[in-house]
Amino acid sequence: MTFKPVVWCVLVLTLGGCGTVKTVFNSDAQVSAALKKESTYCDSVPRVYSGAVFDLCVLHAPANTTGMGGGLIPLLFVDVVASALADTLALPYTIYRQSRDGSLLLH
């Protein structure tokens, strides 16, 4: 049963980098700073499915930026799928936040 701890470690590491975790549980300023750090071309992110959109913005960024893009592109594709699943679970909350606060505007 040594397989179980490995699965938990991978799960924790994946969720730590998950776009949904970054966009739902951080402030708008932190999300904006993270996207600016990656030199993305996005100027806003909707709160509904924000994690998947965040990951797609990072994928569309120049490949030679600070580290999330470039060599980690295959992992970002996995993260887009994981974020889309997590975004689906977070829909009631993100729909409420979208109607109350609007999209995440990047400054």
PDB file of N, CA and C in Angstrom:
ATOM      1  N   MET A   1       0.807  -1.201   0.000  1.00  0.00           N
ATOM      2  CA  MET A   1       0.000   0.000   0.000  1.00  0.00           C
ATOM      3  C   MET A   1       0.850   1.265   0.000  1.00  0.00           C
ATOM      4  N   THR A   2       2.050   1.218  -0.510  1.00  0.00           N
ATOM      5  CA  THR A   2       2.873   2.421  -0.595  1.00  0.00           C
ATOM      6  C   THR A   2       2.444   3.325  -1.731  1.00  0.00           C
ATOM      7  N   PHE A   3       1.549   2.846  -2.561  1.00  0.00           N
ATOM      8  CA  PHE A   3       1.057   3.634  -3.677  1.00  0.00           C
ATOM      9  C   PHE A   3       0.196   4.800  -3.204  1.00  0.00           C
ATOM     10  N   LYS A   4      -0.539   4.620  -2.113  1.00  0.00           N
ATOM     11  CA  LYS A   4      -1.457   5.648  -1.620  1.00  0.00           C
ATOM     12  C   LYS A   4      -0.748   6.955  -1.240  1.00  0.00           C
ATOM     13  N   PRO A   5       0.353   6.931  -0.496  1.00  0.00           N
ATOM     14  CA  PRO A   5       1.036   8.189  -0.174  1.00  0.00           C
ATOM     15  C   PRO A   5       1.534   8.937  -1.410  1.00  0.00           C
ATOM     16  N   VAL A   6       1.955   8.198  -2.419  1.00  0.00           N
ATOM     17  CA  VAL A   6       2.416   8.836  -3.649  1.00  0.00           C
ATOM     18  C   VAL A   6       1.255   9.556  -4.334  1.00  0.00           C
ATOM     19  N   VAL A   7       0.099   8.912  -4.368  1.00  0.00           N
ATOM     20  CA  VAL A   7      -1.086   9.524  -4.975  1.00  0.00           C
ATOM     21  C   VAL A   7      -1.448  10.800  -4.221  1.00  0.00           C
ATOM     22  N   TRP A   8      -1.432  10.759  -2.905  1.00  0.00           N
ATOM     23  CA  TRP A   8      -1.752  11.947  -2.119  1.00  0.00           C
ATOM     24  C   TRP A   8      -0.745  13.069  -2.358  1.00  0.00           C
ATOM     25  N   CYS A   9       0.526  12.744  -2.458  1.00  0.00           N
ATOM     26  CA  CYS A   9       1.551  13.765  -2.717  1.00  0.00           C
ATOM     27  C   CYS A   9       1.335  14.415  -4.076  1.00  0.00           C
ATOM     28  N   VAL A  10       1.058  13.607  -5.089  1.00  0.00           N
ATOM     29  CA  VAL A  10       0.804  14.144  -6.424  1.00  0.00           C
ATOM     30  C   VAL A  10      -0.445  15.014  -6.416  1.00  0.00           C
ATOM     31  N   LEU A  11      -1.480  14.572  -5.728  1.00  0.00           N
ATOM     32  CA  LEU A  11      -2.715  15.344  -5.640  1.00  0.00           C
ATOM     33  C   LEU A  11      -2.479  16.694  -4.976  1.00  0.00           C
ATOM     34  N   VAL A  12      -1.755  16.710  -3.879  1.00  0.00           N
ATOM     35  CA  VAL A  12      -1.475  17.963  -3.173  1.00  0.00           C
ATOM     36  C   VAL A  12      -0.641  18.896  -4.039  1.00  0.00           C
ATOM     37  N   LEU A  13       0.367  18.372  -4.704  1.00  0.00           N
ATOM     38  CA  LEU A  13       1.203  19.204  -5.570  1.00  0.00           C
ATOM     39  C   LEU A  13       0.413  19.755  -6.747  1.00  0.00           C
ATOM     40  N   THR A  14      -0.468  18.949  -7.312  1.00  0.00           N
ATOM     41  CA  THR A  14      -1.285  19.397  -8.428  1.00  0.00           C
ATOM     42  C   THR A  14      -2.244  20.489  -8.003  1.00  0.00           C
ATOM     43  N   LEU A  15      -2.909  20.294  -6.872  1.00  0.00           N
ATOM     44  CA  LEU A  15      -3.847  21.304  -6.408  1.00  0.00           C
ATOM     45  C   LEU A  15      -3.152  22.596  -6.000  1.00  0.00           C
ATOM     46  N   GLY A  16      -1.912  22.495  -5.562  1.00  0.00           N
ATOM     47  CA  GLY A  16      -1.159  23.698  -5.218  1.00  0.00           C
ATOM     48  C   GLY A  16      -0.908  24.575  -6.419  1.00  0.00           C
ATOM     49  N   GLY A  17      -0.829  23.998  -7.591  1.00  0.00           N
ATOM     50  CA  GLY A  17      -0.615  24.757  -8.806  1.00  0.00           C
ATOM     51  C   GLY A  17      -1.880  24.950  -9.614  1.00  0.00           C
ATOM     52  N   CYS A  18      -2.979  24.468  -9.140  1.00  0.00           N
ATOM     53  CA  CYS A  18      -4.242  24.508  -9.866  1.00  0.00           C
ATOM     54  C   CYS A  18      -4.717  25.947 -10.070  1.00  0.00           C
ATOM     55  N   GLY A  19      -5.096  26.266 -11.306  1.00  0.00           N
ATOM     56  CA  GLY A  19      -5.585  27.602 -11.617  1.00  0.00           C
ATOM     57  C   GLY A  19      -6.817  27.972 -10.817  1.00  0.00           C
ATOM     58  N   THR A  20      -7.667  27.012 -10.517  1.00  0.00           N
ATOM     59  CA  THR A  20      -8.867  27.289  -9.734  1.00  0.00           C
ATOM     60  C   THR A  20      -8.506  27.733  -8.329  1.00  0.00           C
ATOM     61  N   VAL A  21      -7.564  27.040  -7.717  1.00  0.00           N
ATOM     62  CA  VAL A  21      -7.127  27.414  -6.368  1.00  0.00           C
ATOM     63  C   VAL A  21      -6.565  28.830  -6.390  1.00  0.00           C
ATOM     64  N   LYS A  22      -5.778  29.144  -7.408  1.00  0.00           N
ATOM     65  CA  LYS A  22      -5.175  30.473  -7.506  1.00  0.00           C
ATOM     66  C   LYS A  22      -6.207  31.569  -7.703  1.00  0.00           C
ATOM     67  N   THR A  23      -7.237  31.324  -8.488  1.00  0.00           N
ATOM     68  CA  THR A  23      -8.191  32.386  -8.796  1.00  0.00           C
ATOM     69  C   THR A  23      -9.347  32.493  -7.811  1.00  0.00           C
ATOM     70  N   VAL A  24      -9.754  31.378  -7.232  1.00  0.00           N
ATOM     71  CA  VAL A  24     -10.896  31.410  -6.316  1.00  0.00           C
ATOM     72  C   VAL A  24     -10.473  31.785  -4.897  1.00  0.00           C
ATOM     73  N   PHE A  25      -9.316  31.317  -4.460  1.00  0.00           N
ATOM     74  CA  PHE A  25      -8.910  31.521  -3.074  1.00  0.00           C
ATOM     75  C   PHE A  25      -7.934  32.668  -2.859  1.00  0.00           C
ATOM     76  N   ASN A  26      -7.521  33.360  -3.924  1.00  0.00           N
ATOM     77  CA  ASN A  26      -6.630  34.507  -3.788  1.00  0.00           C
ATOM     78  C   ASN A  26      -7.371  35.787  -4.142  1.00  0.00           C
ATOM     79  N   SER A  27      -6.801  36.901  -3.738  1.00  0.00           N
ATOM     80  CA  SER A  27      -7.416  38.195  -4.039  1.00  0.00           C
ATOM     81  C   SER A  27      -7.247  38.530  -5.522  1.00  0.00           C
ATOM     82  N   ASP A  28      -8.044  39.476  -5.981  1.00  0.00           N
ATOM     83  CA  ASP A  28      -7.943  39.911  -7.366  1.00  0.00           C
ATOM     84  C   ASP A  28      -6.536  40.432  -7.669  1.00  0.00           C
ATOM     85  N   ALA A  29      -5.944  41.151  -6.722  1.00  0.00           N
ATOM     86  CA  ALA A  29      -4.600  41.697  -6.914  1.00  0.00           C
ATOM     87  C   ALA A  29      -3.565  40.589  -7.066  1.00  0.00           C
ATOM     88  N   GLN A  30      -3.709  39.509  -6.303  1.00  0.00           N
ATOM     89  CA  GLN A  30      -2.767  38.391  -6.404  1.00  0.00           C
ATOM     90  C   GLN A  30      -2.896  37.677  -7.744  1.00  0.00           C
ATOM     91  N   VAL A  31      -4.120  37.512  -8.232  1.00  0.00           N
ATOM     92  CA  VAL A  31      -4.341  36.877  -9.536  1.00  0.00           C
ATOM     93  C   VAL A  31      -3.754  37.758 -10.637  1.00  0.00           C
ATOM     94  N   SER A  32      -4.006  39.060 -10.536  1.00  0.00           N
ATOM     95  CA  SER A  32      -3.471  40.000 -11.510  1.00  0.00           C
ATOM     96  C   SER A  32      -1.947  39.965 -11.532  1.00  0.00           C
ATOM     97  N   ALA A  33      -1.334  39.942 -10.352  1.00  0.00           N
ATOM     98  CA  ALA A  33       0.131  39.899 -10.257  1.00  0.00           C
ATOM     99  C   ALA A  33       0.686  38.603 -10.855  1.00  0.00           C
ATOM    100  N   ALA A  34      -0.006  37.488 -10.621  1.00  0.00           N
ATOM    101  CA  ALA A  34       0.455  36.204 -11.160  1.00  0.00           C
ATOM    102  C   ALA A  34       0.416  36.197 -12.681  1.00  0.00           C
ATOM    103  N   LEU A  35      -0.636  36.769 -13.258  1.00  0.00           N
ATOM    104  CA  LEU A  35      -0.728  36.808 -14.717  1.00  0.00           C
ATOM    105  C   LEU A  35       0.267  37.801 -15.313  1.00  0.00           C
ATOM    106  N   LYS A  36       0.512  38.899 -14.623  1.00  0.00           N
ATOM    107  CA  LYS A  36       1.523  39.857 -15.102  1.00  0.00           C
ATOM    108  C   LYS A  36       2.913  39.241 -15.047  1.00  0.00           C
ATOM    109  N   LYS A  37       3.169  38.450 -14.008  1.00  0.00           N
ATOM    110  CA  LYS A  37       4.465  37.785 -13.857  1.00  0.00           C
ATOM    111  C   LYS A  37       4.740  36.874 -15.052  1.00  0.00           C
ATOM    112  N   GLU A  38       3.701  36.271 -15.591  1.00  0.00           N
ATOM    113  CA  GLU A  38       3.834  35.371 -16.735  1.00  0.00           C
ATOM    114  C   GLU A  38       3.767  36.117 -18.067  1.00  0.00           C
ATOM    115  N   SER A  39       3.601  37.429 -18.039  1.00  0.00           N
ATOM    116  CA  SER A  39       3.525  38.258 -19.253  1.00  0.00           C
ATOM    117  C   SER A  39       2.419  37.776 -20.196  1.00  0.00           C
ATOM    118  N   THR A  40       1.258  37.455 -19.633  1.00  0.00           N
ATOM    119  CA  THR A  40       0.147  36.988 -20.462  1.00  0.00           C
ATOM    120  C   THR A  40      -0.471  38.151 -21.219  1.00  0.00           C
ATOM    121  N   TYR A  41      -1.253  37.817 -22.214  1.00  0.00           N
ATOM    122  CA  TYR A  41      -1.937  38.820 -23.015  1.00  0.00           C
ATOM    123  C   TYR A  41      -3.362  39.062 -22.508  1.00  0.00           C
ATOM    124  N   CYS A  42      -3.757  38.415 -21.431  1.00  0.00           N
ATOM    125  CA  CYS A  42      -5.107  38.553 -20.891  1.00  0.00           C
ATOM    126  C   CYS A  42      -5.232  39.871 -20.123  1.00  0.00           C
ATOM    127  N   ASP A  43      -6.364  40.550 -20.289  1.00  0.00           N
ATOM    128  CA  ASP A  43      -6.599  41.756 -19.512  1.00  0.00           C
ATOM    129  C   ASP A  43      -7.771  41.605 -18.549  1.00  0.00           C
ATOM    130  N   SER A  44      -8.484  40.482 -18.636  1.00  0.00           N
ATOM    131  CA  SER A  44      -9.518  40.156 -17.655  1.00  0.00           C
ATOM    132  C   SER A  44      -9.741  38.647 -17.680  1.00  0.00           C
ATOM    133  N   VAL A  45     -10.278  38.151 -16.560  1.00  0.00           N
ATOM    134  CA  VAL A  45     -10.585  36.731 -16.425  1.00  0.00           C
ATOM    135  C   VAL A  45     -11.970  36.633 -15.804  1.00  0.00           C
ATOM    136  N   PRO A  46     -12.899  35.933 -16.452  1.00  0.00           N
ATOM    137  CA  PRO A  46     -14.213  35.765 -15.826  1.00  0.00           C
ATOM    138  C   PRO A  46     -14.087  34.895 -14.581  1.00  0.00           C
ATOM    139  N   ARG A  47     -14.907  35.140 -13.597  1.00  0.00           N
ATOM    140  CA  ARG A  47     -14.842  34.339 -12.367  1.00  0.00           C
ATOM    141  C   ARG A  47     -15.380  32.929 -12.602  1.00  0.00           C
ATOM    142  N   VAL A  48     -16.334  32.775 -13.506  1.00  0.00           N
ATOM    143  CA  VAL A  48     -16.867  31.465 -13.847  1.00  0.00           C
ATOM    144  C   VAL A  48     -15.829  30.764 -14.731  1.00  0.00           C
ATOM    145  N   TYR A  49     -15.390  29.594 -14.309  1.00  0.00           N
ATOM    146  CA  TYR A  49     -14.314  28.842 -14.962  1.00  0.00           C
ATOM    147  C   TYR A  49     -13.006  29.644 -14.997  1.00  0.00           C
ATOM    148  N   SER A  50     -12.763  30.402 -13.942  1.00  0.00           N
ATOM    149  CA  SER A  50     -11.575  31.251 -13.868  1.00  0.00           C
ATOM    150  C   SER A  50     -10.274  30.450 -13.845  1.00  0.00           C
ATOM    151  N   GLY A  51     -10.285  29.286 -13.235  1.00  0.00           N
ATOM    152  CA  GLY A  51      -9.066  28.479 -13.178  1.00  0.00           C
ATOM    153  C   GLY A  51      -8.630  27.996 -14.541  1.00  0.00           C
ATOM    154  N   ALA A  52      -9.572  27.512 -15.335  1.00  0.00           N
ATOM    155  CA  ALA A  52      -9.240  27.055 -16.689  1.00  0.00           C
ATOM    156  C   ALA A  52      -8.801  28.228 -17.556  1.00  0.00           C
ATOM    157  N   VAL A  53      -9.473  29.358 -17.417  1.00  0.00           N
ATOM    158  CA  VAL A  53      -9.093  30.546 -18.198  1.00  0.00           C
ATOM    159  C   VAL A  53      -7.707  31.033 -17.776  1.00  0.00           C
ATOM    160  N   PHE A  54      -7.426  31.007 -16.473  1.00  0.00           N
ATOM    161  CA  PHE A  54      -6.106  31.389 -15.969  1.00  0.00           C
ATOM    162  C   PHE A  54      -5.027  30.521 -16.618  1.00  0.00           C
ATOM    163  N   ASP A  55      -5.242  29.212 -16.624  1.00  0.00           N
ATOM    164  CA  ASP A  55      -4.275  28.291 -17.216  1.00  0.00           C
ATOM    165  C   ASP A  55      -4.109  28.533 -18.715  1.00  0.00           C
ATOM    166  N   LEU A  56      -5.209  28.815 -19.410  1.00  0.00           N
ATOM    167  CA  LEU A  56      -5.118  29.084 -20.842  1.00  0.00           C
ATOM    168  C   LEU A  56      -4.373  30.389 -21.109  1.00  0.00           C
ATOM    169  N   CYS A  57      -4.552  31.378 -20.237  1.00  0.00           N
ATOM    170  CA  CYS A  57      -3.791  32.630 -20.370  1.00  0.00           C
ATOM    171  C   CYS A  57      -2.297  32.357 -20.218  1.00  0.00           C
ATOM    172  N   VAL A  58      -1.938  31.524 -19.257  1.00  0.00           N
ATOM    173  CA  VAL A  58      -0.529  31.182 -19.042  1.00  0.00           C
ATOM    174  C   VAL A  58       0.011  30.390 -20.236  1.00  0.00           C
ATOM    175  N   LEU A  59      -0.800  29.488 -20.794  1.00  0.00           N
ATOM    176  CA  LEU A  59      -0.371  28.734 -21.972  1.00  0.00           C
ATOM    177  C   LEU A  59      -0.137  29.640 -23.171  1.00  0.00           C
ATOM    178  N   HIS A  60      -0.899  30.717 -23.259  1.00  0.00           N
ATOM    179  CA  HIS A  60      -0.783  31.635 -24.393  1.00  0.00           C
ATOM    180  C   HIS A  60       0.355  32.646 -24.202  1.00  0.00           C
ATOM    181  N   ALA A  61       0.927  32.695 -23.007  1.00  0.00           N
ATOM    182  CA  ALA A  61       2.022  33.623 -22.725  1.00  0.00           C
ATOM    183  C   ALA A  61       3.287  33.200 -23.455  1.00  0.00           C
ATOM    184  N   PRO A  62       4.226  34.133 -23.625  1.00  0.00           N
ATOM    185  CA  PRO A  62       5.514  33.754 -24.229  1.00  0.00           C
ATOM    186  C   PRO A  62       6.163  32.622 -23.434  1.00  0.00           C
ATOM    187  N   ALA A  63       6.815  31.695 -24.115  1.00  0.00           N
ATOM    188  CA  ALA A  63       7.351  30.490 -23.476  1.00  0.00           C
ATOM    189  C   ALA A  63       8.563  30.743 -22.596  1.00  0.00           C
ATOM    190  N   ASN A  64       9.249  31.852 -22.742  1.00  0.00           N
ATOM    191  CA  ASN A  64      10.479  32.071 -21.990  1.00  0.00           C
ATOM    192  C   ASN A  64      10.295  33.025 -20.815  1.00  0.00           C
ATOM    193  N   THR A  65       9.163  32.962 -20.158  1.00  0.00           N
ATOM    194  CA  THR A  65       8.923  33.841 -19.012  1.00  0.00           C
ATOM    195  C   THR A  65       9.415  33.194 -17.736  1.00  0.00           C
ATOM    196  N   THR A  66       8.761  33.478 -16.632  1.00  0.00           N
ATOM    197  CA  THR A  66       9.300  33.165 -15.313  1.00  0.00           C
ATOM    198  C   THR A  66       9.223  31.719 -14.877  1.00  0.00           C
ATOM    199  N   GLY A  67       8.591  30.833 -15.588  1.00  0.00           N
ATOM    200  CA  GLY A  67       8.668  29.454 -15.153  1.00  0.00           C
ATOM    201  C   GLY A  67       7.448  28.603 -15.358  1.00  0.00           C
ATOM    202  N   MET A  68       6.234  29.150 -15.319  1.00  0.00           N
ATOM    203  CA  MET A  68       5.065  28.291 -15.482  1.00  0.00           C
ATOM    204  C   MET A  68       4.930  27.830 -16.920  1.00  0.00           C
ATOM    205  N   GLY A  69       5.263  28.684 -17.867  1.00  0.00           N
ATOM    206  CA  GLY A  69       5.173  28.316 -19.269  1.00  0.00           C
ATOM    207  C   GLY A  69       6.405  27.525 -19.675  1.00  0.00           C
ATOM    208  N   GLY A  70       6.662  27.501 -20.954  1.00  0.00           N
ATOM    209  CA  GLY A  70       7.881  26.858 -21.444  1.00  0.00           C
ATOM    210  C   GLY A  70       7.893  25.366 -21.247  1.00  0.00           C
ATOM    211  N   GLY A  71       8.842  24.862 -20.463  1.00  0.00           N
ATOM    212  CA  GLY A  71       9.030  23.426 -20.281  1.00  0.00           C
ATOM    213  C   GLY A  71       7.912  22.727 -19.544  1.00  0.00           C
ATOM    214  N   LEU A  72       7.062  23.469 -18.885  1.00  0.00           N
ATOM    215  CA  LEU A  72       5.984  22.844 -18.123  1.00  0.00           C
ATOM    216  C   LEU A  72       4.665  22.799 -18.882  1.00  0.00           C
ATOM    217  N   ILE A  73       4.699  23.007 -20.182  1.00  0.00           N
ATOM    218  CA  ILE A  73       3.468  23.037 -20.974  1.00  0.00           C
ATOM    219  C   ILE A  73       2.659  21.750 -20.845  1.00  0.00           C
ATOM    220  N   PRO A  74       3.248  20.556 -20.895  1.00  0.00           N
ATOM    221  CA  PRO A  74       2.431  19.343 -20.724  1.00  0.00           C
ATOM    222  C   PRO A  74       1.707  19.319 -19.374  1.00  0.00           C
ATOM    223  N   LEU A  75       2.355  19.794 -18.321  1.00  0.00           N
ATOM    224  CA  LEU A  75       1.698  19.845 -17.014  1.00  0.00           C
ATOM    225  C   LEU A  75       0.569  20.862 -16.999  1.00  0.00           C
ATOM    226  N   LEU A  76       0.723  21.954 -17.742  1.00  0.00           N
ATOM    227  CA  LEU A  76      -0.343  22.951 -17.800  1.00  0.00           C
ATOM    228  C   LEU A  76      -1.585  22.387 -18.488  1.00  0.00           C
ATOM    229  N   PHE A  77      -1.395  21.535 -19.489  1.00  0.00           N
ATOM    230  CA  PHE A  77      -2.555  20.907 -20.121  1.00  0.00           C
ATOM    231  C   PHE A  77      -3.309  20.031 -19.119  1.00  0.00           C
ATOM    232  N   VAL A  78      -2.588  19.312 -18.295  1.00  0.00           N
ATOM    233  CA  VAL A  78      -3.216  18.511 -17.245  1.00  0.00           C
ATOM    234  C   VAL A  78      -3.922  19.427 -16.264  1.00  0.00           C
ATOM    235  N   ASP A  79      -3.291  20.548 -15.941  1.00  0.00           N
ATOM    236  CA  ASP A  79      -3.874  21.494 -14.999  1.00  0.00           C
ATOM    237  C   ASP A  79      -5.137  22.146 -15.564  1.00  0.00           C
ATOM    238  N   VAL A  80      -5.193  22.375 -16.867  1.00  0.00           N
ATOM    239  CA  VAL A  80      -6.404  22.941 -17.480  1.00  0.00           C
ATOM    240  C   VAL A  80      -7.578  21.998 -17.249  1.00  0.00           C
ATOM    241  N   VAL A  81      -7.361  20.709 -17.451  1.00  0.00           N
ATOM    242  CA  VAL A  81      -8.428  19.722 -17.253  1.00  0.00           C
ATOM    243  C   VAL A  81      -8.822  19.659 -15.778  1.00  0.00           C
ATOM    244  N   ALA A  82      -7.831  19.609 -14.891  1.00  0.00           N
ATOM    245  CA  ALA A  82      -8.122  19.569 -13.451  1.00  0.00           C
ATOM    246  C   ALA A  82      -8.836  20.838 -13.012  1.00  0.00           C
ATOM    247  N   SER A  83      -8.418  21.970 -13.542  1.00  0.00           N
ATOM    248  CA  SER A  83      -9.059  23.237 -13.191  1.00  0.00           C
ATOM    249  C   SER A  83     -10.497  23.284 -13.694  1.00  0.00           C
ATOM    250  N   ALA A  84     -10.732  22.774 -14.895  1.00  0.00           N
ATOM    251  CA  ALA A  84     -12.101  22.763 -15.420  1.00  0.00           C
ATOM    252  C   ALA A  84     -13.016  21.919 -14.533  1.00  0.00           C
ATOM    253  N   LEU A  85     -12.503  20.790 -14.044  1.00  0.00           N
ATOM    254  CA  LEU A  85     -13.301  19.961 -13.132  1.00  0.00           C
ATOM    255  C   LEU A  85     -13.544  20.688 -11.809  1.00  0.00           C
ATOM    256  N   ALA A  86     -12.508  21.305 -11.260  1.00  0.00           N
ATOM    257  CA  ALA A  86     -12.663  22.042 -10.003  1.00  0.00           C
ATOM    258  C   ALA A  86     -13.566  23.262 -10.199  1.00  0.00           C
ATOM    259  N   ASP A  87     -13.447  23.922 -11.358  1.00  0.00           N
ATOM    260  CA  ASP A  87     -14.318  25.067 -11.649  1.00  0.00           C
ATOM    261  C   ASP A  87     -15.781  24.648 -11.702  1.00  0.00           C
ATOM    262  N   THR A  88     -16.033  23.467 -12.229  1.00  0.00           N
ATOM    263  CA  THR A  88     -17.415  22.965 -12.274  1.00  0.00           C
ATOM    264  C   THR A  88     -17.965  22.782 -10.862  1.00  0.00           C
ATOM    265  N   LEU A  89     -17.151  22.268  -9.958  1.00  0.00           N
ATOM    266  CA  LEU A  89     -17.585  22.102  -8.569  1.00  0.00           C
ATOM    267  C   LEU A  89     -17.798  23.451  -7.884  1.00  0.00           C
ATOM    268  N   ALA A  90     -17.037  24.453  -8.293  1.00  0.00           N
ATOM    269  CA  ALA A  90     -17.125  25.773  -7.671  1.00  0.00           C
ATOM    270  C   ALA A  90     -18.156  26.687  -8.344  1.00  0.00           C
ATOM    271  N   LEU A  91     -18.901  26.176  -9.318  1.00  0.00           N
ATOM    272  CA  LEU A  91     -19.836  27.015 -10.072  1.00  0.00           C
ATOM    273  C   LEU A  91     -20.819  27.820  -9.216  1.00  0.00           C
ATOM    274  N   PRO A  92     -21.474  27.238  -8.224  1.00  0.00           N
ATOM    275  CA  PRO A  92     -22.413  28.066  -7.444  1.00  0.00           C
ATOM    276  C   PRO A  92     -21.742  29.310  -6.843  1.00  0.00           C
ATOM    277  N   TYR A  93     -20.551  29.139  -6.297  1.00  0.00           N
ATOM    278  CA  TYR A  93     -19.823  30.266  -5.706  1.00  0.00           C
ATOM    279  C   TYR A  93     -19.347  31.252  -6.768  1.00  0.00           C
ATOM    280  N   THR A  94     -18.777  30.751  -7.866  1.00  0.00           N
ATOM    281  CA  THR A  94     -18.224  31.662  -8.871  1.00  0.00           C
ATOM    282  C   THR A  94     -19.315  32.393  -9.650  1.00  0.00           C
ATOM    283  N   ILE A  95     -20.470  31.765  -9.840  1.00  0.00           N
ATOM    284  CA  ILE A  95     -21.591  32.469 -10.478  1.00  0.00           C
ATOM    285  C   ILE A  95     -22.041  33.618  -9.577  1.00  0.00           C
ATOM    286  N   TYR A  96     -22.138  33.358  -8.288  1.00  0.00           N
ATOM    287  CA  TYR A  96     -22.496  34.417  -7.339  1.00  0.00           C
ATOM    288  C   TYR A  96     -21.485  35.556  -7.381  1.00  0.00           C
ATOM    289  N   ARG A  97     -20.185  35.219  -7.328  1.00  0.00           N
ATOM    290  CA  ARG A  97     -19.133  36.253  -7.351  1.00  0.00           C
ATOM    291  C   ARG A  97     -19.118  37.014  -8.674  1.00  0.00           C
ATOM    292  N   GLN A  98     -19.384  36.320  -9.779  1.00  0.00           N
ATOM    293  CA  GLN A  98     -19.420  36.995 -11.083  1.00  0.00           C
ATOM    294  C   GLN A  98     -20.549  38.007 -11.119  1.00  0.00           C
ATOM    295  N   SER A  99     -21.720  37.634 -10.595  1.00  0.00           N
ATOM    296  CA  SER A  99     -22.854  38.562 -10.613  1.00  0.00           C
ATOM    297  C   SER A  99     -22.661  39.713  -9.632  1.00  0.00           C
ATOM    298  N   ARG A 100     -21.963  39.463  -8.517  1.00  0.00           N
ATOM    299  CA  ARG A 100     -21.737  40.503  -7.511  1.00  0.00           C
ATOM    300  C   ARG A 100     -20.571  41.422  -7.869  1.00  0.00           C
ATOM    301  N   ASP A 101     -19.440  40.830  -8.315  1.00  0.00           N
ATOM    302  CA  ASP A 101     -18.200  41.600  -8.499  1.00  0.00           C
ATOM    303  C   ASP A 101     -17.753  41.759  -9.937  1.00  0.00           C
ATOM    304  N   GLY A 102     -18.318  40.990 -10.857  1.00  0.00           N
ATOM    305  CA  GLY A 102     -17.874  41.052 -12.250  1.00  0.00           C
ATOM    306  C   GLY A 102     -16.588  40.233 -12.444  1.00  0.00           C
ATOM    307  N   SER A 103     -16.000  40.402 -13.599  1.00  0.00           N
ATOM    308  CA  SER A 103     -14.776  39.665 -13.947  1.00  0.00           C
ATOM    309  C   SER A 103     -13.580  40.184 -13.170  1.00  0.00           C
ATOM    310  N   LEU A 104     -12.537  39.361 -13.097  1.00  0.00           N
ATOM    311  CA  LEU A 104     -11.265  39.775 -12.506  1.00  0.00           C
ATOM    312  C   LEU A 104     -10.560  40.662 -13.530  1.00  0.00           C
ATOM    313  N   LEU A 105     -10.452  41.945 -13.226  1.00  0.00           N
ATOM    314  CA  LEU A 105      -9.781  42.863 -14.137  1.00  0.00           C
ATOM    315  C   LEU A 105      -8.318  42.938 -13.745  1.00  0.00           C
ATOM    316  N   LEU A 106      -7.467  42.805 -14.724  1.00  0.00           N
ATOM    317  CA  LEU A 106      -6.039  42.796 -14.459  1.00  0.00           C
ATOM    318  C   LEU A 106      -5.482  44.199 -14.654  1.00  0.00           C
ATOM    319  N   HIS A 107      -4.828  44.691 -13.631  1.00  0.00           N
ATOM    320  CA  HIS A 107      -4.299  46.068 -13.679  1.00  0.00           C
ATOM    321  C   HIS A 107      -2.807  46.064 -13.796  1.00  0.00           C
TER     322      HIS A 107
END
